[in-house]
Protein backbone atom coordinates (compact mmCIF):
# COMPACT_ATOMS: atom_id res chain seq x y z
CA MET A 1 -14.24 0.68 7.43
CA ALA A 2 -11.70 3.46 7.93
CA PRO A 3 -12.39 6.82 6.30
CA VAL A 4 -10.64 7.46 3.01
CA LEU A 5 -7.79 9.95 3.37
CA HIS A 6 -7.81 12.94 1.07
CA VAL A 7 -5.21 12.63 -1.67
CA GLU A 8 -4.20 15.59 -3.79
CA GLN A 9 -2.40 14.89 -7.02
CA ARG A 10 -0.74 18.32 -7.26
CA GLY A 11 -0.36 21.49 -5.29
CA PRO A 12 -0.13 21.99 -1.55
CA ALA A 13 -0.66 19.13 0.87
CA LEU A 14 -3.77 20.79 2.25
CA ALA A 15 -6.22 22.64 0.04
CA GLY A 16 -6.21 26.35 0.80
CA ASP A 17 -2.96 26.23 2.78
CA MET A 18 -0.55 27.75 0.28
CA HIS A 19 1.91 29.02 2.90
CA MET A 20 2.54 25.60 4.40
CA LYS A 21 6.11 24.60 3.57
CA ILE A 22 6.18 21.07 5.01
CA PRO A 23 3.05 18.95 4.67
CA SER A 24 1.78 16.94 7.59
CA VAL A 25 3.30 13.49 7.84
CA GLU A 26 -0.04 11.89 7.02
CA ASN A 27 -0.63 13.98 3.90
CA TYR A 28 2.92 13.46 2.68
CA VAL A 29 2.82 9.68 3.19
CA VAL A 30 -0.59 9.31 1.53
CA ASN A 31 0.42 11.49 -1.43
CA LEU A 32 3.71 9.59 -1.79
CA LEU A 33 1.90 6.24 -1.77
CA ALA A 34 -0.70 7.48 -4.26
CA ALA A 35 2.07 8.59 -6.62
CA SER A 36 4.02 5.35 -6.10
CA PHE A 37 1.01 3.09 -6.67
CA PRO A 38 -1.13 4.85 -9.33
CA GLU A 39 -2.81 1.55 -10.31
CA ARG A 40 -3.72 0.67 -6.72
CA PRO A 41 -6.87 -1.42 -6.39
CA VAL A 42 -7.96 0.22 -3.11
CA ALA A 43 -8.35 3.67 -1.62
CA ILE A 44 -5.44 4.54 0.66
CA THR A 45 -6.51 4.67 4.31
CA ARG A 46 -4.63 4.25 7.57
CA ASP A 47 -5.73 0.59 7.49
CA THR A 48 -4.35 -0.07 3.99
CA ASP A 49 -1.85 -2.93 4.16
CA LEU A 50 1.35 -1.96 2.37
CA VAL A 51 2.08 -5.48 1.13
CA THR A 52 -1.34 -7.10 0.74
CA ASP A 53 -3.29 -4.10 -0.58
CA LEU A 54 -0.59 -2.15 -2.43
CA ASP A 55 1.70 -5.05 -3.31
CA ALA A 56 4.75 -3.13 -2.08
CA ASP A 57 7.97 -5.12 -2.38
CA SER A 58 11.07 -4.58 -0.24
CA MET A 59 12.81 -2.32 -2.77
CA THR A 60 9.74 -0.12 -3.05
CA MET A 61 9.49 0.07 0.73
CA VAL A 62 13.15 1.09 1.07
CA SER A 63 12.64 3.79 -1.55
CA LEU A 64 9.48 5.09 0.16
CA ILE A 65 11.08 5.12 3.59
CA PHE A 66 14.17 6.86 2.23
CA SER A 67 11.95 9.59 0.72
CA ILE A 68 10.08 9.97 4.00
CA SER A 69 13.29 10.09 6.05
CA GLU A 70 14.76 12.78 3.80
CA LYS A 71 11.59 14.88 3.94
CA PHE A 72 11.24 14.78 7.72
CA GLY A 73 14.89 14.53 8.81
CA ILE A 74 14.67 11.02 10.20
CA SER A 75 17.95 9.21 10.79
CA MET A 76 18.59 6.28 8.48
CA ASP A 77 19.38 4.31 11.66
CA HIS A 78 15.62 3.81 11.95
CA LEU A 79 15.24 2.27 8.47
CA GLY A 80 15.31 -1.34 9.69
CA ASP A 81 12.88 -0.58 12.49
CA ILE A 82 10.41 0.95 10.07
CA LEU A 83 10.78 -1.87 7.53
CA LEU A 84 10.24 -4.58 10.13
CA ASN A 85 7.41 -2.97 12.06
CA CYS A 86 5.26 -1.11 9.54
CA ARG A 87 2.55 -3.22 7.99
CA THR A 88 -0.11 -0.58 7.32
CA VAL A 89 -0.20 3.03 6.17
CA GLY A 90 -1.14 3.99 9.74
CA ASP A 91 1.93 2.16 11.08
CA LEU A 92 4.13 4.06 8.63
CA ILE A 93 2.59 7.41 9.59
CA SER A 94 2.93 6.70 13.33
CA ALA A 95 6.55 5.53 13.02
CA THR A 96 7.44 8.60 10.96
CA GLU A 97 5.89 10.93 13.53
CA ARG A 98 7.61 9.10 16.41
CA PHE A 99 11.07 9.09 14.81
CA GLN A 100 10.65 12.67 13.60
CA GLN A 101 10.11 13.80 17.22
CA GLU A 102 13.21 11.88 18.33
CA CYS A 103 15.33 13.66 15.73
CA VAL A 104 14.21 17.18 16.69
């Protein structure tokens, strides 16, 4: 079983790191998913399946990916790639990090 990722409801992405302006991709994605699925039946881990475990539909996924792309400066050209290839939270985090590096 994968470890449960820390999810903060409010405040900085990392406890005690008040000067951090942009949260890590992982913290941002986990916090965004926690806020988007407050009634989720499972803890959010890298292995959490976006569709099976969180019951994310296509409109929700587009909205989540749009929020992530805005936050990390990812080109919307990658939207289809992310939608088609991200099945788990870990997939979404990895794709965000990969596309973020390409856009820098």
